[in-house]
PDB file of N, CA and C in Angstrom:
ATOM      1  N   UNK A   1    -103.437  43.684 -31.961  1.00  0.00           N
ATOM      2  CA  UNK A   1    -102.358  44.059 -31.067  1.00  0.00           C
ATOM      3  C   UNK A   1    -102.385  43.154 -29.839  1.00  0.00           C
ATOM      4  N   UNK A   2    -101.245  42.725 -29.405  1.00  0.00           N
ATOM      5  CA  UNK A   2    -101.146  41.806 -28.277  1.00  0.00           C
ATOM      6  C   UNK A   2    -101.078  42.565 -26.955  1.00  0.00           C
ATOM      7  N   UNK A   3    -101.264  41.838 -25.876  1.00  0.00           N
ATOM      8  CA  UNK A   3    -101.053  42.377 -24.537  1.00  0.00           C
ATOM      9  C   UNK A   3     -99.592  42.126 -24.155  1.00  0.00           C
ATOM     10  N   UNK A   4     -99.079  42.915 -23.229  1.00  0.00           N
ATOM     11  CA  UNK A   4     -97.693  42.780 -22.788  1.00  0.00           C
ATOM     12  C   UNK A   4     -97.651  42.301 -21.340  1.00  0.00           C
ATOM     13  N   UNK A   5     -96.752  41.359 -21.067  1.00  0.00           N
ATOM     14  CA  UNK A   5     -96.493  40.918 -19.702  1.00  0.00           C
ATOM     15  C   UNK A   5     -95.091  41.378 -19.340  1.00  0.00           C
ATOM     16  N   UNK A   6     -94.978  42.087 -18.222  1.00  0.00           N
ATOM     17  CA  UNK A   6     -93.679  42.523 -17.729  1.00  0.00           C
ATOM     18  C   UNK A   6     -93.431  41.727 -16.452  1.00  0.00           C
ATOM     19  N   UNK A   7     -92.401  40.869 -16.490  1.00  0.00           N
ATOM     20  CA  UNK A   7     -92.141  39.931 -15.393  1.00  0.00           C
ATOM     21  C   UNK A   7     -90.808  40.277 -14.738  1.00  0.00           C
ATOM     22  N   UNK A   8     -90.860  40.721 -13.476  1.00  0.00           N
ATOM     23  CA  UNK A   8     -89.654  41.026 -12.702  1.00  0.00           C
ATOM     24  C   UNK A   8     -89.325  39.830 -11.828  1.00  0.00           C
ATOM     25  N   UNK A   9     -88.094  39.377 -11.885  1.00  0.00           N
ATOM     26  CA  UNK A   9     -87.643  38.221 -11.115  1.00  0.00           C
ATOM     27  C   UNK A   9     -86.722  38.725 -10.003  1.00  0.00           C
ATOM     28  N   UNK A  10     -87.219  38.748  -8.767  1.00  0.00           N
ATOM     29  CA  UNK A  10     -86.441  39.266  -7.639  1.00  0.00           C
ATOM     30  C   UNK A  10     -85.203  38.417  -7.396  1.00  0.00           C
ATOM     31  N   UNK A  11     -84.112  39.082  -7.054  1.00  0.00           N
ATOM     32  CA  UNK A  11     -82.853  38.402  -6.794  1.00  0.00           C
ATOM     33  C   UNK A  11     -82.803  37.956  -5.329  1.00  0.00           C
ATOM     34  N   UNK A  12     -82.754  36.633  -5.062  1.00  0.00           N
ATOM     35  CA  UNK A  12     -82.718  36.155  -3.680  1.00  0.00           C
ATOM     36  C   UNK A  12     -81.305  36.132  -3.101  1.00  0.00           C
ATOM     37  N   UNK A  13     -80.318  36.558  -3.880  1.00  0.00           N
ATOM     38  CA  UNK A  13     -78.929  36.429  -3.443  1.00  0.00           C
ATOM     39  C   UNK A  13     -78.349  35.156  -4.029  1.00  0.00           C
ATOM     40  N   UNK A  14     -77.211  34.785  -3.551  1.00  0.00           N
ATOM     41  CA  UNK A  14     -76.519  33.612  -4.095  1.00  0.00           C
ATOM     42  C   UNK A  14     -77.273  32.324  -3.776  1.00  0.00           C
ATOM     43  N   UNK A  15     -77.551  31.555  -4.814  1.00  0.00           N
ATOM     44  CA  UNK A  15     -78.187  30.243  -4.657  1.00  0.00           C
ATOM     45  C   UNK A  15     -77.247  29.190  -5.223  1.00  0.00           C
ATOM     46  N   UNK A  16     -76.866  28.263  -4.416  1.00  0.00           N
ATOM     47  CA  UNK A  16     -75.997  27.187  -4.868  1.00  0.00           C
ATOM     48  C   UNK A  16     -76.825  26.182  -5.665  1.00  0.00           C
ATOM     49  N   UNK A  17     -76.354  25.821  -6.849  1.00  0.00           N
ATOM     50  CA  UNK A  17     -77.019  24.802  -7.651  1.00  0.00           C
ATOM     51  C   UNK A  17     -78.230  25.286  -8.422  1.00  0.00           C
ATOM     52  N   UNK A  18     -78.458  26.605  -8.443  1.00  0.00           N
ATOM     53  CA  UNK A  18     -79.618  27.129  -9.182  1.00  0.00           C
ATOM     54  C   UNK A  18     -79.339  27.066 -10.672  1.00  0.00           C
ATOM     55  N   UNK A  19     -80.287  26.545 -11.405  1.00  0.00           N
ATOM     56  CA  UNK A  19     -80.153  26.429 -12.852  1.00  0.00           C
ATOM     57  C   UNK A  19     -81.031  27.440 -13.551  1.00  0.00           C
ATOM     58  N   UNK A  20     -81.769  26.979 -14.530  1.00  0.00           N
ATOM     59  CA  UNK A  20     -82.599  27.877 -15.330  1.00  0.00           C
ATOM     60  C   UNK A  20     -83.965  28.101 -14.677  1.00  0.00           C
ATOM     61  N   UNK A  21     -84.573  29.226 -15.042  1.00  0.00           N
ATOM     62  CA  UNK A  21     -85.924  29.558 -14.604  1.00  0.00           C
ATOM     63  C   UNK A  21     -86.755  29.723 -15.866  1.00  0.00           C
ATOM     64  N   UNK A  22     -87.846  28.980 -15.963  1.00  0.00           N
ATOM     65  CA  UNK A  22     -88.719  29.053 -17.134  1.00  0.00           C
ATOM     66  C   UNK A  22     -90.049  29.675 -16.745  1.00  0.00           C
ATOM     67  N   UNK A  23     -90.581  30.500 -17.637  1.00  0.00           N
ATOM     68  CA  UNK A  23     -91.929  31.047 -17.482  1.00  0.00           C
ATOM     69  C   UNK A  23     -92.832  30.264 -18.417  1.00  0.00           C
ATOM     70  N   UNK A  24     -93.857  29.642 -17.854  1.00  0.00           N
ATOM     71  CA  UNK A  24     -94.828  28.899 -18.646  1.00  0.00           C
ATOM     72  C   UNK A  24     -96.113  29.704 -18.735  1.00  0.00           C
ATOM     73  N   UNK A  25     -96.609  29.890 -19.944  1.00  0.00           N
ATOM     74  CA  UNK A  25     -97.911  30.511 -20.166  1.00  0.00           C
ATOM     75  C   UNK A  25     -98.806  29.442 -20.767  1.00  0.00           C
ATOM     76  N   UNK A  26     -99.899  29.159 -20.090  1.00  0.00           N
ATOM     77  CA  UNK A  26    -100.832  28.102 -20.504  1.00  0.00           C
ATOM     78  C   UNK A  26    -100.132  26.759 -20.645  1.00  0.00           C
ATOM     79  N   UNK A  27     -99.143  26.503 -19.761  1.00  0.00           N
ATOM     80  CA  UNK A  27     -98.447  25.229 -19.739  1.00  0.00           C
ATOM     81  C   UNK A  27     -97.319  25.089 -20.744  1.00  0.00           C
ATOM     82  N   UNK A  28     -97.077  26.117 -21.551  1.00  0.00           N
ATOM     83  CA  UNK A  28     -96.043  26.077 -22.580  1.00  0.00           C
ATOM     84  C   UNK A  28     -94.878  26.987 -22.182  1.00  0.00           C
ATOM     85  N   UNK A  29     -93.631  26.474 -22.167  1.00  0.00           N
ATOM     86  CA  UNK A  29     -92.489  27.335 -21.868  1.00  0.00           C
ATOM     87  C   UNK A  29     -92.396  28.470 -22.889  1.00  0.00           C
ATOM     88  N   UNK A  30     -92.298  29.718 -22.402  1.00  0.00           N
ATOM     89  CA  UNK A  30     -92.273  30.867 -23.299  1.00  0.00           C
ATOM     90  C   UNK A  30     -90.933  31.588 -23.294  1.00  0.00           C
ATOM     91  N   UNK A  31     -90.320  31.733 -22.125  1.00  0.00           N
ATOM     92  CA  UNK A  31     -89.067  32.478 -22.037  1.00  0.00           C
ATOM     93  C   UNK A  31     -88.291  32.057 -20.799  1.00  0.00           C
ATOM     94  N   UNK A  32     -86.995  32.295 -20.837  1.00  0.00           N
ATOM     95  CA  UNK A  32     -86.139  32.037 -19.685  1.00  0.00           C
ATOM     96  C   UNK A  32     -86.033  33.324 -18.874  1.00  0.00           C
ATOM     97  N   UNK A  33     -86.075  33.191 -17.559  1.00  0.00           N
ATOM     98  CA  UNK A  33     -85.933  34.324 -16.662  1.00  0.00           C
ATOM     99  C   UNK A  33     -84.605  34.219 -15.929  1.00  0.00           C
ATOM    100  N   UNK A  34     -84.098  35.340 -15.461  1.00  0.00           N
ATOM    101  CA  UNK A  34     -82.902  35.339 -14.620  1.00  0.00           C
ATOM    102  C   UNK A  34     -83.176  36.199 -13.402  1.00  0.00           C
ATOM    103  N   UNK A  35     -82.652  35.771 -12.260  1.00  0.00           N
ATOM    104  CA  UNK A  35     -82.830  36.516 -11.026  1.00  0.00           C
ATOM    105  C   UNK A  35     -82.264  37.922 -11.187  1.00  0.00           C
ATOM    106  N   UNK A  36     -83.013  38.915 -10.733  1.00  0.00           N
ATOM    107  CA  UNK A  36     -82.576  40.301 -10.778  1.00  0.00           C
ATOM    108  C   UNK A  36     -82.919  41.044 -12.055  1.00  0.00           C
ATOM    109  N   UNK A  37     -83.544  40.383 -13.009  1.00  0.00           N
ATOM    110  CA  UNK A  37     -83.880  41.020 -14.289  1.00  0.00           C
ATOM    111  C   UNK A  37     -85.379  41.057 -14.529  1.00  0.00           C
ATOM    112  N   UNK A  38     -85.780  41.932 -15.460  1.00  0.00           N
ATOM    113  CA  UNK A  38     -87.174  42.039 -15.876  1.00  0.00           C
ATOM    114  C   UNK A  38     -87.275  41.673 -17.348  1.00  0.00           C
ATOM    115  N   UNK A  39     -88.255  40.870 -17.688  1.00  0.00           N
ATOM    116  CA  UNK A  39     -88.474  40.412 -19.056  1.00  0.00           C
ATOM    117  C   UNK A  39     -89.869  40.846 -19.496  1.00  0.00           C
ATOM    118  N   UNK A  40     -89.983  41.255 -20.741  1.00  0.00           N
ATOM    119  CA  UNK A  40     -91.281  41.622 -21.307  1.00  0.00           C
ATOM    120  C   UNK A  40     -91.599  40.696 -22.466  1.00  0.00           C
ATOM    121  N   UNK A  41     -92.835  40.210 -22.517  1.00  0.00           N
ATOM    122  CA  UNK A  41     -93.246  39.359 -23.627  1.00  0.00           C
ATOM    123  C   UNK A  41     -94.682  39.647 -24.010  1.00  0.00           C
ATOM    124  N   UNK A  42     -95.018  39.315 -25.229  1.00  0.00           N
ATOM    125  CA  UNK A  42     -96.361  39.547 -25.758  1.00  0.00           C
ATOM    126  C   UNK A  42     -97.199  38.282 -25.649  1.00  0.00           C
ATOM    127  N   UNK A  43     -98.466  38.461 -25.319  1.00  0.00           N
ATOM    128  CA  UNK A  43     -99.428  37.355 -25.279  1.00  0.00           C
ATOM    129  C   UNK A  43    -100.712  37.806 -25.960  1.00  0.00           C
ATOM    130  N   UNK A  44    -101.470  36.853 -26.428  1.00  0.00           N
ATOM    131  CA  UNK A  44    -102.761  37.155 -27.045  1.00  0.00           C
ATOM    132  C   UNK A  44    -103.739  37.608 -25.959  1.00  0.00           C
ATOM    133  N   UNK A  45    -104.620  38.532 -26.275  1.00  0.00           N
ATOM    134  CA  UNK A  45    -105.629  38.947 -25.301  1.00  0.00           C
ATOM    135  C   UNK A  45    -106.496  37.750 -24.898  1.00  0.00           C
ATOM    136  N   UNK A  46    -106.966  37.767 -23.654  1.00  0.00           N
ATOM    137  CA  UNK A  46    -107.827  36.696 -23.170  1.00  0.00           C
ATOM    138  C   UNK A  46    -107.390  36.192 -21.814  1.00  0.00           C
ATOM    139  N   UNK A  47    -107.882  35.020 -21.463  1.00  0.00           N
ATOM    140  CA  UNK A  47    -107.593  34.409 -20.167  1.00  0.00           C
ATOM    141  C   UNK A  47    -106.429  33.426 -20.306  1.00  0.00           C
ATOM    142  N   UNK A  48    -105.487  33.486 -19.377  1.00  0.00           N
ATOM    143  CA  UNK A  48    -104.290  32.643 -19.424  1.00  0.00           C
ATOM    144  C   UNK A  48    -103.911  32.197 -18.017  1.00  0.00           C
ATOM    145  N   UNK A  49    -102.959  31.249 -17.946  1.00  0.00           N
ATOM    146  CA  UNK A  49    -102.338  30.882 -16.678  1.00  0.00           C
ATOM    147  C   UNK A  49    -100.831  31.069 -16.817  1.00  0.00           C
ATOM    148  N   UNK A  50    -100.208  31.508 -15.727  1.00  0.00           N
ATOM    149  CA  UNK A  50     -98.760  31.682 -15.692  1.00  0.00           C
ATOM    150  C   UNK A  50     -98.202  30.822 -14.568  1.00  0.00           C
ATOM    151  N   UNK A  51     -97.037  30.257 -14.816  1.00  0.00           N
ATOM    152  CA  UNK A  51     -96.378  29.416 -13.828  1.00  0.00           C
ATOM    153  C   UNK A  51     -94.872  29.541 -14.030  1.00  0.00           C
ATOM    154  N   UNK A  52     -94.107  29.385 -12.961  1.00  0.00           N
ATOM    155  CA  UNK A  52     -92.653  29.490 -13.022  1.00  0.00           C
ATOM    156  C   UNK A  52     -92.043  28.178 -12.552  1.00  0.00           C
ATOM    157  N   UNK A  53     -90.983  27.743 -13.252  1.00  0.00           N
ATOM    158  CA  UNK A  53     -90.276  26.515 -12.884  1.00  0.00           C
ATOM    159  C   UNK A  53     -88.801  26.844 -12.720  1.00  0.00           C
ATOM    160  N   UNK A  54     -88.248  26.531 -11.533  1.00  0.00           N
ATOM    161  CA  UNK A  54     -86.822  26.672 -11.269  1.00  0.00           C
ATOM    162  C   UNK A  54     -86.204  25.287 -11.361  1.00  0.00           C
ATOM    163  N   UNK A  55     -85.272  25.142 -12.282  1.00  0.00           N
ATOM    164  CA  UNK A  55     -84.567  23.864 -12.433  1.00  0.00           C
ATOM    165  C   UNK A  55     -83.236  23.994 -11.707  1.00  0.00           C
ATOM    166  N   UNK A  56     -83.087  23.247 -10.642  1.00  0.00           N
ATOM    167  CA  UNK A  56     -81.884  23.280  -9.820  1.00  0.00           C
ATOM    168  C   UNK A  56     -81.617  21.858  -9.357  1.00  0.00           C
ATOM    169  N   UNK A  57     -80.957  21.711  -8.221  1.00  0.00           N
ATOM    170  CA  UNK A  57     -80.743  20.376  -7.661  1.00  0.00           C
ATOM    171  C   UNK A  57     -82.101  19.686  -7.528  1.00  0.00           C
ATOM    172  N   UNK A  58     -83.086  20.435  -7.046  1.00  0.00           N
ATOM    173  CA  UNK A  58     -84.479  19.987  -7.032  1.00  0.00           C
ATOM    174  C   UNK A  58     -85.278  20.958  -7.897  1.00  0.00           C
ATOM    175  N   UNK A  59     -86.245  20.461  -8.635  1.00  0.00           N
ATOM    176  CA  UNK A  59     -87.097  21.320  -9.449  1.00  0.00           C
ATOM    177  C   UNK A  59     -88.184  21.918  -8.576  1.00  0.00           C
ATOM    178  N   UNK A  60     -88.320  23.241  -8.648  1.00  0.00           N
ATOM    179  CA  UNK A  60     -89.337  23.959  -7.870  1.00  0.00           C
ATOM    180  C   UNK A  60     -90.334  24.586  -8.838  1.00  0.00           C
ATOM    181  N   UNK A  61     -91.614  24.289  -8.664  1.00  0.00           N
ATOM    182  CA  UNK A  61     -92.660  24.810  -9.543  1.00  0.00           C
ATOM    183  C   UNK A  61     -93.636  25.641  -8.729  1.00  0.00           C
ATOM    184  N   UNK A  62     -93.977  26.823  -9.231  1.00  0.00           N
ATOM    185  CA  UNK A  62     -94.939  27.675  -8.539  1.00  0.00           C
ATOM    186  C   UNK A  62     -96.356  27.171  -8.787  1.00  0.00           C
ATOM    187  N   UNK A  63     -97.277  27.677  -8.000  1.00  0.00           N
ATOM    188  CA  UNK A  63     -98.692  27.434  -8.268  1.00  0.00           C
ATOM    189  C   UNK A  63     -99.057  28.213  -9.521  1.00  0.00           C
ATOM    190  N   UNK A  64    -100.063  27.748 -10.244  1.00  0.00           N
ATOM    191  CA  UNK A  64    -100.521  28.438 -11.451  1.00  0.00           C
ATOM    192  C   UNK A  64    -101.318  29.678 -11.062  1.00  0.00           C
ATOM    193  N   UNK A  65    -101.069  30.764 -11.766  1.00  0.00           N
ATOM    194  CA  UNK A  65    -101.768  32.023 -11.552  1.00  0.00           C
ATOM    195  C   UNK A  65    -102.611  32.316 -12.786  1.00  0.00           C
ATOM    196  N   UNK A  66    -103.917  32.444 -12.601  1.00  0.00           N
ATOM    197  CA  UNK A  66    -104.820  32.742 -13.712  1.00  0.00           C
ATOM    198  C   UNK A  66    -104.996  34.249 -13.821  1.00  0.00           C
ATOM    199  N   UNK A  67    -104.933  34.761 -15.054  1.00  0.00           N
ATOM    200  CA  UNK A  67    -105.111  36.195 -15.287  1.00  0.00           C
ATOM    201  C   UNK A  67    -105.796  36.408 -16.622  1.00  0.00           C
ATOM    202  N   UNK A  68    -106.380  37.585 -16.781  1.00  0.00           N
ATOM    203  CA  UNK A  68    -107.034  37.979 -18.028  1.00  0.00           C
ATOM    204  C   UNK A  68    -106.422  39.298 -18.468  1.00  0.00           C
ATOM    205  N   UNK A  69    -106.134  39.395 -19.763  1.00  0.00           N
ATOM    206  CA  UNK A  69    -105.559  40.631 -20.299  1.00  0.00           C
ATOM    207  C   UNK A  69    -106.337  41.071 -21.533  1.00  0.00           C
ATOM    208  N   UNK A  70    -106.359  42.381 -21.726  1.00  0.00           N
ATOM    209  CA  UNK A  70    -107.048  42.976 -22.866  1.00  0.00           C
ATOM    210  C   UNK A  70    -106.024  43.417 -23.904  1.00  0.00           C
ATOM    211  N   UNK A  71    -106.482  43.628 -25.110  1.00  0.00           N
ATOM    212  CA  UNK A  71    -105.624  44.085 -26.197  1.00  0.00           C
ATOM    213  C   UNK A  71    -104.955  45.407 -25.827  1.00  0.00           C
ATOM    214  N   UNK A  72    -103.633  45.476 -25.973  1.00  0.00           N
ATOM    215  CA  UNK A  72    -102.870  46.679 -25.678  1.00  0.00           C
ATOM    216  C   UNK A  72    -102.560  46.899 -24.204  1.00  0.00           C
ATOM    217  N   UNK A  73    -103.042  46.038 -23.332  1.00  0.00           N
ATOM    218  CA  UNK A  73    -102.826  46.181 -21.892  1.00  0.00           C
ATOM    219  C   UNK A  73    -101.436  45.661 -21.501  1.00  0.00           C
ATOM    220  N   UNK A  74    -100.838  46.258 -20.479  1.00  0.00           N
ATOM    221  CA  UNK A  74     -99.573  45.791 -19.930  1.00  0.00           C
ATOM    222  C   UNK A  74     -99.813  45.356 -18.495  1.00  0.00           C
ATOM    223  N   UNK A  75     -99.469  44.098 -18.192  1.00  0.00           N
ATOM    224  CA  UNK A  75     -99.626  43.557 -16.842  1.00  0.00           C
ATOM    225  C   UNK A  75     -98.247  43.338 -16.227  1.00  0.00           C
ATOM    226  N   UNK A  76     -98.121  43.667 -14.939  1.00  0.00           N
ATOM    227  CA  UNK A  76     -96.863  43.489 -14.227  1.00  0.00           C
ATOM    228  C   UNK A  76     -96.960  42.302 -13.275  1.00  0.00           C
ATOM    229  N   UNK A  77     -95.921  41.460 -13.302  1.00  0.00           N
ATOM    230  CA  UNK A  77     -95.831  40.296 -12.433  1.00  0.00           C
ATOM    231  C   UNK A  77     -94.491  40.327 -11.716  1.00  0.00           C
ATOM    232  N   UNK A  78     -94.445  39.675 -10.551  1.00  0.00           N
ATOM    233  CA  UNK A  78     -93.183  39.539  -9.823  1.00  0.00           C
ATOM    234  C   UNK A  78     -92.998  38.061  -9.464  1.00  0.00           C
ATOM    235  N   UNK A  79     -91.770  37.582  -9.687  1.00  0.00           N
ATOM    236  CA  UNK A  79     -91.403  36.199  -9.377  1.00  0.00           C
ATOM    237  C   UNK A  79     -90.449  36.236  -8.197  1.00  0.00           C
ATOM    238  N   UNK A  80     -90.725  35.413  -7.182  1.00  0.00           N
ATOM    239  CA  UNK A  80     -89.862  35.372  -6.011  1.00  0.00           C
ATOM    240  C   UNK A  80     -89.512  33.937  -5.643  1.00  0.00           C
ATOM    241  N   UNK A  81     -88.361  33.810  -4.991  1.00  0.00           N
ATOM    242  CA  UNK A  81     -87.932  32.520  -4.446  1.00  0.00           C
ATOM    243  C   UNK A  81     -87.868  32.673  -2.938  1.00  0.00           C
ATOM    244  N   UNK A  82     -88.504  31.772  -2.215  1.00  0.00           N
ATOM    245  CA  UNK A  82     -88.492  31.800  -0.752  1.00  0.00           C
ATOM    246  C   UNK A  82     -87.409  30.861  -0.234  1.00  0.00           C
ATOM    247  N   UNK A  83     -86.395  31.422   0.395  1.00  0.00           N
ATOM    248  CA  UNK A  83     -85.350  30.581   0.998  1.00  0.00           C
ATOM    249  C   UNK A  83     -85.918  29.774   2.162  1.00  0.00           C
ATOM    250  N   UNK A  84     -86.856  30.367   2.890  1.00  0.00           N
ATOM    251  CA  UNK A  84     -87.455  29.688   4.040  1.00  0.00           C
ATOM    252  C   UNK A  84     -88.178  28.410   3.619  1.00  0.00           C
ATOM    253  N   UNK A  85     -89.005  28.512   2.575  1.00  0.00           N
ATOM    254  CA  UNK A  85     -89.816  27.381   2.136  1.00  0.00           C
ATOM    255  C   UNK A  85     -89.217  26.653   0.939  1.00  0.00           C
ATOM    256  N   UNK A  86     -88.215  27.237   0.293  1.00  0.00           N
ATOM    257  CA  UNK A  86     -87.614  26.602  -0.888  1.00  0.00           C
ATOM    258  C   UNK A  86     -88.599  26.532  -2.029  1.00  0.00           C
ATOM    259  N   UNK A  87     -89.394  27.590  -2.197  1.00  0.00           N
ATOM    260  CA  UNK A  87     -90.442  27.547  -3.215  1.00  0.00           C
ATOM    261  C   UNK A  87     -90.398  28.783  -4.118  1.00  0.00           C
ATOM    262  N   UNK A  88     -90.921  28.633  -5.316  1.00  0.00           N
ATOM    263  CA  UNK A  88     -91.056  29.721  -6.284  1.00  0.00           C
ATOM    264  C   UNK A  88     -92.502  30.198  -6.257  1.00  0.00           C
ATOM    265  N   UNK A  89     -92.688  31.506  -6.534  1.00  0.00           N
ATOM    266  CA  UNK A  89     -94.053  32.023  -6.643  1.00  0.00           C
ATOM    267  C   UNK A  89     -94.085  33.113  -7.701  1.00  0.00           C
ATOM    268  N   UNK A  90     -95.270  33.299  -8.289  1.00  0.00           N
ATOM    269  CA  UNK A  90     -95.507  34.373  -9.242  1.00  0.00           C
ATOM    270  C   UNK A  90     -96.801  35.067  -8.817  1.00  0.00           C
ATOM    271  N   UNK A  91     -96.781  36.413  -8.841  1.00  0.00           N
ATOM    272  CA  UNK A  91     -97.943  37.188  -8.416  1.00  0.00           C
ATOM    273  C   UNK A  91     -98.073  38.443  -9.265  1.00  0.00           C
ATOM    274  N   UNK A  92     -99.306  38.972  -9.332  1.00  0.00           N
ATOM    275  CA  UNK A  92     -99.542  40.260 -10.019  1.00  0.00           C
ATOM    276  C   UNK A  92     -99.044  41.360  -9.111  1.00  0.00           C
ATOM    277  N   UNK A  93     -98.507  42.414  -9.691  1.00  0.00           N
ATOM    278  CA  UNK A  93     -98.081  43.581  -8.915  1.00  0.00           C
ATOM    279  C   UNK A  93     -99.141  44.638  -8.987  1.00  0.00           C
TER     280      UNK A  93
END
């Protein structure tokens, strides 16, 4: 049985030129995210890294977040965009 990741992407309001948002697990694109929505995906138990990439006029990449999950566990993450710094971030909730 796999572990579940529940990823909430906070809505920053209207962003001009914002394109796609990708969730990378262990450096591999896994799913597309949209502002204001929550996505759930399955991952193998063990240690992983998560990162978010916003493709827009400029590409914004978050720092990598390392996490460990157990079989059957559900982990919650939140993705945010900072208008002040123009940066993406991903964190455990």
